[in-house]
C-alpha atoms as a PDB file:
ATOM      1  CA  MET A   1     113.314 -85.266-153.343  1.00  0.00           C
ATOM      2  CA  LYS A   2     113.649 -87.215-150.096  1.00  0.00           C
ATOM      3  CA  LYS A   3     110.718 -87.361-147.672  1.00  0.00           C
ATOM      4  CA  ALA A   4     110.869 -87.443-143.881  1.00  0.00           C
ATOM      5  CA  ILE A   5     108.746 -87.557-140.744  1.00  0.00           C
ATOM      6  CA  ILE A   6     109.912 -85.614-137.687  1.00  0.00           C
ATOM      7  CA  VAL A   7     109.269 -87.021-134.204  1.00  0.00           C
ATOM      8  CA  ASP A   8     109.990 -84.428-131.502  1.00  0.00           C
ATOM      9  CA  ASP A   9     107.891 -83.167-128.591  1.00  0.00           C
ATOM     10  CA  SER A  10     109.265 -79.627-128.864  1.00  0.00           C
ATOM     11  CA  ARG A  11     107.546 -77.387-131.381  1.00  0.00           C
ATOM     12  CA  TYR A  12     110.637 -75.169-131.451  1.00  0.00           C
ATOM     13  CA  SER A  13     112.942 -78.098-132.248  1.00  0.00           C
ATOM     14  CA  SER A  14     110.493 -79.478-134.804  1.00  0.00           C
ATOM     15  CA  VAL A  15     110.427 -76.182-136.689  1.00  0.00           C
ATOM     16  CA  SER A  16     114.222 -75.955-136.551  1.00  0.00           C
ATOM     17  CA  ILE A  17     114.595 -79.501-137.921  1.00  0.00           C
ATOM     18  CA  LYS A  18     111.976 -78.853-140.596  1.00  0.00           C
ATOM     19  CA  ASN A  19     113.726 -75.674-141.734  1.00  0.00           C
ATOM     20  CA  LYS A  20     117.103 -77.391-141.973  1.00  0.00           C
ATOM     21  CA  LEU A  21     115.605 -80.308-143.900  1.00  0.00           C
ATOM     22  CA  LYS A  22     113.892 -77.879-146.270  1.00  0.00           C
ATOM     23  CA  GLU A  23     117.288 -76.270-146.975  1.00  0.00           C
ATOM     24  CA  LEU A  24     118.524 -79.780-147.869  1.00  0.00           C
ATOM     25  CA  ASP A  25     115.636 -80.293-150.296  1.00  0.00           C
ATOM     26  CA  VAL A  26     113.860 -82.776-148.001  1.00  0.00           C
ATOM     27  CA  ASP A  27     110.059 -82.717-147.897  1.00  0.00           C
ATOM     28  CA  VAL A  28     108.651 -83.124-144.353  1.00  0.00           C
ATOM     29  CA  ILE A  29     105.521 -85.276-144.595  1.00  0.00           C
ATOM     30  CA  ASP A  30     104.404 -84.619-141.037  1.00  0.00           C
ATOM     31  CA  ILE A  31     105.518 -83.992-137.450  1.00  0.00           C
ATOM     32  CA  ALA A  32     104.668 -86.248-134.506  1.00  0.00           C
ATOM     33  CA  PHE A  33     104.883 -84.790-131.013  1.00  0.00           C
ATOM     34  CA  SER A  34     104.354 -88.067-129.113  1.00  0.00           C
ATOM     35  CA  VAL A  35     104.390 -91.848-129.468  1.00  0.00           C
ATOM     36  CA  VAL A  36     100.595 -91.795-129.913  1.00  0.00           C
ATOM     37  CA  ASP A  37     100.900 -89.246-132.752  1.00  0.00           C
ATOM     38  CA  PHE A  38     103.620 -91.333-134.355  1.00  0.00           C
ATOM     39  CA  GLU A  39     101.568 -94.546-134.230  1.00  0.00           C
ATOM     40  CA  ALA A  40      98.639 -92.711-135.839  1.00  0.00           C
ATOM     41  CA  PHE A  41     100.869 -91.375-138.626  1.00  0.00           C
ATOM     42  CA  LEU A  42     102.158 -94.848-139.397  1.00  0.00           C
ATOM     43  CA  ARG A  43      98.608 -95.950-140.164  1.00  0.00           C
ATOM     44  CA  THR A  44      97.905 -93.093-142.555  1.00  0.00           C
ATOM     45  CA  VAL A  45     101.046 -91.620-144.148  1.00  0.00           C
ATOM     46  CA  GLU A  46     103.070 -92.759-147.111  1.00  0.00           C
ATOM     47  CA  LYS A  47     106.419 -94.361-146.392  1.00  0.00           C
ATOM     48  CA  PRO A  48     109.102 -91.700-145.916  1.00  0.00           C
ATOM     49  CA  ASP A  49     112.757 -92.093-146.872  1.00  0.00           C
ATOM     50  CA  PHE A  50     113.795 -91.570-143.247  1.00  0.00           C
ATOM     51  CA  ILE A  51     112.661 -90.391-139.799  1.00  0.00           C
ATOM     52  CA  THR A  52     114.212 -87.865-137.418  1.00  0.00           C
ATOM     53  CA  MET A  53     113.642 -88.995-133.844  1.00  0.00           C
ATOM     54  CA  ASP A  54     113.893 -87.329-130.440  1.00  0.00           C
ATOM     55  CA  MET A  55     114.812 -89.529-127.489  1.00  0.00           C
ATOM     56  CA  VAL A  56     112.407 -88.097-124.896  1.00  0.00           C
ATOM     57  CA  LEU A  57     108.691 -87.877-125.681  1.00  0.00           C
ATOM     58  CA  PRO A  58     105.829 -87.110-123.283  1.00  0.00           C
ATOM     59  CA  ASP A  59     104.414 -90.648-123.475  1.00  0.00           C
ATOM     60  CA  GLY A  60     107.469 -92.782-124.196  1.00  0.00           C
ATOM     61  CA  ASP A  61     110.797 -92.559-125.952  1.00  0.00           C
ATOM     62  CA  GLY A  62     112.479 -92.742-129.311  1.00  0.00           C
ATOM     63  CA  ILE A  63     113.600 -96.339-128.818  1.00  0.00           C
ATOM     64  CA  GLU A  64     109.961 -97.374-128.400  1.00  0.00           C
ATOM     65  CA  CYS A  65     109.038 -95.446-131.563  1.00  0.00           C
ATOM     66  CA  CYS A  66     111.821 -97.162-133.504  1.00  0.00           C
ATOM     67  CA  GLN A  67     110.556-100.587-132.451  1.00  0.00           C
ATOM     68  CA  ILE A  68     107.072 -99.647-133.662  1.00  0.00           C
ATOM     69  CA  LEU A  69     108.486 -98.139-136.862  1.00  0.00           C
ATOM     70  CA  TRP A  70     110.569-101.165-137.820  1.00  0.00           C
ATOM     71  CA  LYS A  71     107.618-103.519-137.402  1.00  0.00           C
ATOM     72  CA  LYS A  72     105.824-101.597-140.156  1.00  0.00           C
ATOM     73  CA  TRP A  73     108.819-100.586-142.297  1.00  0.00           C
ATOM     74  CA  PRO A  74     111.788-102.846-141.443  1.00  0.00           C
ATOM     75  CA  GLY A  75     115.132-101.144-141.798  1.00  0.00           C
ATOM     76  CA  LEU A  76     113.804 -97.625-142.451  1.00  0.00           C
ATOM     77  CA  PRO A  77     116.673 -95.217-141.614  1.00  0.00           C
ATOM     78  CA  VAL A  78     116.428 -93.018-138.519  1.00  0.00           C
ATOM     79  CA  ILE A  79     118.437 -89.958-137.504  1.00  0.00           C
ATOM     80  CA  PHE A  80     118.301 -89.395-133.738  1.00  0.00           C
ATOM     81  CA  ILE A  81     118.323 -85.726-132.716  1.00  0.00           C
ATOM     82  CA  SER A  82     118.198 -85.339-128.953  1.00  0.00           C
ATOM     83  CA  ALA A  83     119.463 -83.234-126.071  1.00  0.00           C
ATOM     84  CA  LEU A  84     120.415 -86.525-124.414  1.00  0.00           C
ATOM     85  CA  ALA A  85     123.394 -88.526-125.567  1.00  0.00           C
ATOM     86  CA  LEU A  86     122.483 -92.193-125.979  1.00  0.00           C
ATOM     87  CA  LYS A  87     124.368 -94.845-124.062  1.00  0.00           C
ATOM     88  CA  GLU A  88     126.111 -97.583-126.028  1.00  0.00           C
ATOM     89  CA  GLU A  89     123.602-100.212-124.847  1.00  0.00           C
ATOM     90  CA  GLN A  90     120.773 -98.005-126.136  1.00  0.00           C
ATOM     91  CA  LYS A  91     122.521 -97.578-129.493  1.00  0.00           C
ATOM     92  CA  ALA A  92     122.867-101.367-129.746  1.00  0.00           C
ATOM     93  CA  LYS A  93     119.047-101.620-129.800  1.00  0.00           C
ATOM     94  CA  LEU A  94     118.902 -99.262-132.795  1.00  0.00           C
ATOM     95  CA  PRO A  95     120.576-101.000-135.754  1.00  0.00           C
ATOM     96  CA  HIS A  96     119.036 -98.792-138.454  1.00  0.00           C
ATOM     97  CA  VAL A  97     119.972 -95.452-136.897  1.00  0.00           C
ATOM     98  CA  ILE A  98     122.346 -93.740-139.277  1.00  0.00           C
ATOM     99  CA  ASP A  99     123.362 -90.870-137.001  1.00  0.00           C
ATOM    100  CA  PHE A 100     123.023 -89.578-133.432  1.00  0.00           C
ATOM    101  CA  ILE A 101     123.005 -85.775-133.230  1.00  0.00           C
ATOM    102  CA  VAL A 102     123.133 -84.108-129.822  1.00  0.00           C
ATOM    103  CA  LYS A 103     121.184 -80.829-129.718  1.00  0.00           C
ATOM    104  CA  PRO A 104     121.636 -78.025-130.466  1.00  0.00           C
ATOM    105  CA  LEU A 105     121.179 -79.018-134.081  1.00  0.00           C
ATOM    106  CA  THR A 106     123.204 -77.214-136.711  1.00  0.00           C
ATOM    107  CA  PHE A 107     122.857 -77.178-140.476  1.00  0.00           C
ATOM    108  CA  VAL A 108     126.294 -78.814-140.765  1.00  0.00           C
ATOM    109  CA  ASN A 109     125.458 -81.845-138.598  1.00  0.00           C
ATOM    110  CA  MET A 110     122.002 -82.196-140.193  1.00  0.00           C
ATOM    111  CA  LYS A 111     123.565 -82.158-143.663  1.00  0.00           C
ATOM    112  CA  ALA A 112     126.197 -84.704-142.619  1.00  0.00           C
ATOM    113  CA  ALA A 113     123.457 -87.035-141.344  1.00  0.00           C
ATOM    114  CA  VAL A 114     121.262 -86.665-144.448  1.00  0.00           C
ATOM    115  CA  ASP A 115     124.301 -87.257-146.667  1.00  0.00           C
ATOM    116  CA  LYS A 116     124.676 -90.707-145.042  1.00  0.00           C
ATOM    117  CA  LEU A 117     121.311 -91.826-146.448  1.00  0.00           C
END
């Protein structure tokens, strides 16, 4: 069973992502609602197989979280799930992102992203 951490400031979106991952037999270790939450998780949680990441967080953004993430676990895969489409220059800063999903999230696009792992 794969394990994941969800990073998303919306409780509604987090639950939706968690439910879709559960249907794909992915265990969600925890959910971070901000950059501060995410940094705290990185100090205490076991290494997941991948992270789902929102672009906009109340105290930063997903790119910042990825930079923090890859210092601890270089190359760990990330699936971006955001209402905002990322610009090409932003994507260039994210070499280990395996998919960019624009909300609303569907089971089909979540499955396609997880299948890329």
